[in-house]
Every structure is written in C-alpha cells, then in structure tokens.
Protein backbone atom coordinates (compact mmCIF):
# COMPACT_ATOMS: atom_id res chain seq x y z
CA MET A 1 48.04 -12.09 39.31
CA GLY A 2 46.35 -15.42 39.88
CA ILE A 3 47.53 -18.94 39.29
CA SER A 4 45.84 -20.74 36.39
CA ALA A 5 45.70 -24.45 35.62
CA SER A 6 48.57 -24.02 33.15
CA ASP A 7 50.74 -22.74 36.00
CA VAL A 8 50.46 -26.02 37.92
CA ILE A 9 53.22 -28.30 36.65
CA PRO A 10 54.15 -31.88 37.64
CA LEU A 11 57.72 -32.22 38.88
CA SER A 12 58.63 -34.55 36.02
CA HIS A 13 57.50 -31.92 33.49
CA ALA A 14 59.42 -29.21 35.38
CA ARG A 15 62.60 -31.26 35.26
CA ALA A 16 62.26 -31.84 31.53
CA ASN A 17 61.38 -28.22 30.71
CA PHE A 18 63.16 -26.21 33.38
CA SER A 19 64.75 -23.66 31.04
CA GLU A 20 61.42 -22.84 29.38
CA LEU A 21 59.68 -22.58 32.76
CA ALA A 22 62.43 -20.30 34.06
CA GLU A 23 61.95 -17.97 31.08
CA GLU A 24 58.17 -17.86 31.69
CA VAL A 25 58.78 -17.05 35.35
CA LYS A 26 61.28 -14.33 34.44
CA ARG A 27 58.53 -12.79 32.26
CA GLY A 28 56.18 -12.64 35.27
CA ALA A 29 54.53 -16.05 35.59
CA GLU A 30 54.52 -18.02 38.82
CA LYS A 31 54.50 -21.80 38.73
CA ILE A 32 53.36 -24.37 41.26
CA ILE A 33 55.33 -27.60 40.97
CA THR A 34 53.47 -30.70 42.13
CA LYS A 35 54.79 -34.01 43.40
CA ASN A 36 52.51 -37.03 43.53
CA GLY A 37 49.59 -34.75 42.63
CA GLU A 38 50.06 -32.32 45.54
CA SER A 39 51.63 -28.87 45.78
CA TYR A 40 55.35 -29.23 46.40
CA ILE A 41 57.22 -25.99 45.60
CA ALA A 42 56.68 -22.67 43.85
CA LEU A 43 58.85 -21.22 41.12
CA ILE A 44 58.91 -17.40 41.16
CA ASP A 45 61.23 -14.63 40.01
CA ALA A 46 63.97 -13.80 42.53
CA ASN A 47 63.08 -10.08 42.48
CA ARG A 48 59.47 -10.92 43.27
CA LEU A 49 60.59 -13.14 46.15
CA ASP A 50 62.64 -10.22 47.52
CA TYR A 51 59.54 -8.03 47.21
CA TYR A 52 57.40 -10.59 49.09
CA HIS A 53 59.99 -10.71 51.88
CA GLN A 54 60.03 -6.91 52.06
CA LEU A 55 56.23 -6.86 52.36
CA GLU A 56 56.37 -9.40 55.17
CA ARG A 57 58.98 -7.34 57.06
CA GLU A 58 56.83 -4.22 56.65
CA ARG A 59 53.77 -6.11 57.93
CA ILE A 60 55.72 -7.24 61.01
CA HIS A 61 56.89 -3.67 61.64
CA LEU A 62 53.31 -2.38 61.39
CA LEU A 63 52.14 -5.03 63.86
CA LEU A 64 54.92 -4.07 66.29
CA ILE A 65 54.01 -0.38 65.99
CA ASP A 66 50.36 -1.25 66.65
CA GLU A 67 51.27 -3.29 69.74
CA ALA A 68 53.51 -0.50 71.04
CA SER A 69 50.70 2.00 70.50
CA LYS A 70 48.29 -0.22 72.46
CA GLY A 71 50.85 -0.47 75.25
CA LEU A 72 51.22 3.31 75.38
CA ASP A 73 47.43 3.64 75.49
CA ASP A 74 47.36 1.24 78.46
CA VAL A 75 50.01 3.30 80.26
CA ALA A 76 48.07 6.51 79.58
CA ALA A 77 44.89 4.85 80.95
CA GLY A 78 46.72 3.73 84.08
CA LYS A 79 46.51 0.03 83.21
CA VAL A 80 49.99 -0.77 84.50
CA LYS A 81 51.55 -3.19 86.96
CA ASP A 82 54.90 -3.31 88.64
CA ALA A 83 57.15 -5.52 86.49
CA ARG A 84 58.71 -7.39 89.41
CA SER A 85 55.33 -8.20 90.92
CA ALA A 86 53.98 -9.39 87.56
CA ILE A 87 57.02 -11.63 86.94
CA THR A 88 56.79 -13.09 90.44
CA ALA A 89 53.10 -13.85 89.94
CA LEU A 90 53.84 -15.54 86.59
CA LYS A 91 56.56 -17.68 88.15
CA ARG A 92 54.21 -18.74 90.94
CA ARG A 93 51.52 -19.74 88.45
CA ARG A 94 53.99 -21.74 86.35
CA GLY A 95 55.28 -23.52 89.42
CA ALA A 96 51.81 -24.46 90.64
C-alpha cells in the first residue's frame, strides 16, 4: 500500500481532525504528518506497527544466521586464527 497525497497531513490539520484520522488509520490507511512542510511523524495502526517490528526482528535473525553460516564456511575452509593472537594484534594496532 502506497502513500498518496491525501495521506500527507499538516500537523495543524491532524490536531483538528485527530479522531477522523485515527478512524481512517484503523481502516488501513497510513498518514504522514508534516511540520513546517517536512515529514514529522507517521500515524499507523498499532497492529501494523507490531507487524513491522516483527519483520525487522526476523530480518535481523536471518542476517545473524547468514553471518554464522559464513563463519562456519570459513572454519571448514581452514580460514581460522587463534583468538588470543588475533585480540593481541588488534590491541597493538589500536595502541599504535
């Protein structure tokens, strides 16, 4: 669902018509509230916000799984270093 020009609302209009805007949002609309002509906040349904947060958590989990898989591939390929030696080398570089 895209945002149309009618979904961009000045803050003063939002204040005056908040109940009506809330009902539109509850029916599925998303509103962009502007202040001084620039995007300020978004008004979306609470369930949709929960869904967006869930999607973001799932994306982070997929990225972590991908990074772990790459790490396991490196171990299988023998691309490993001793942890103590690597930490010591990092500390030396930071101190230099």
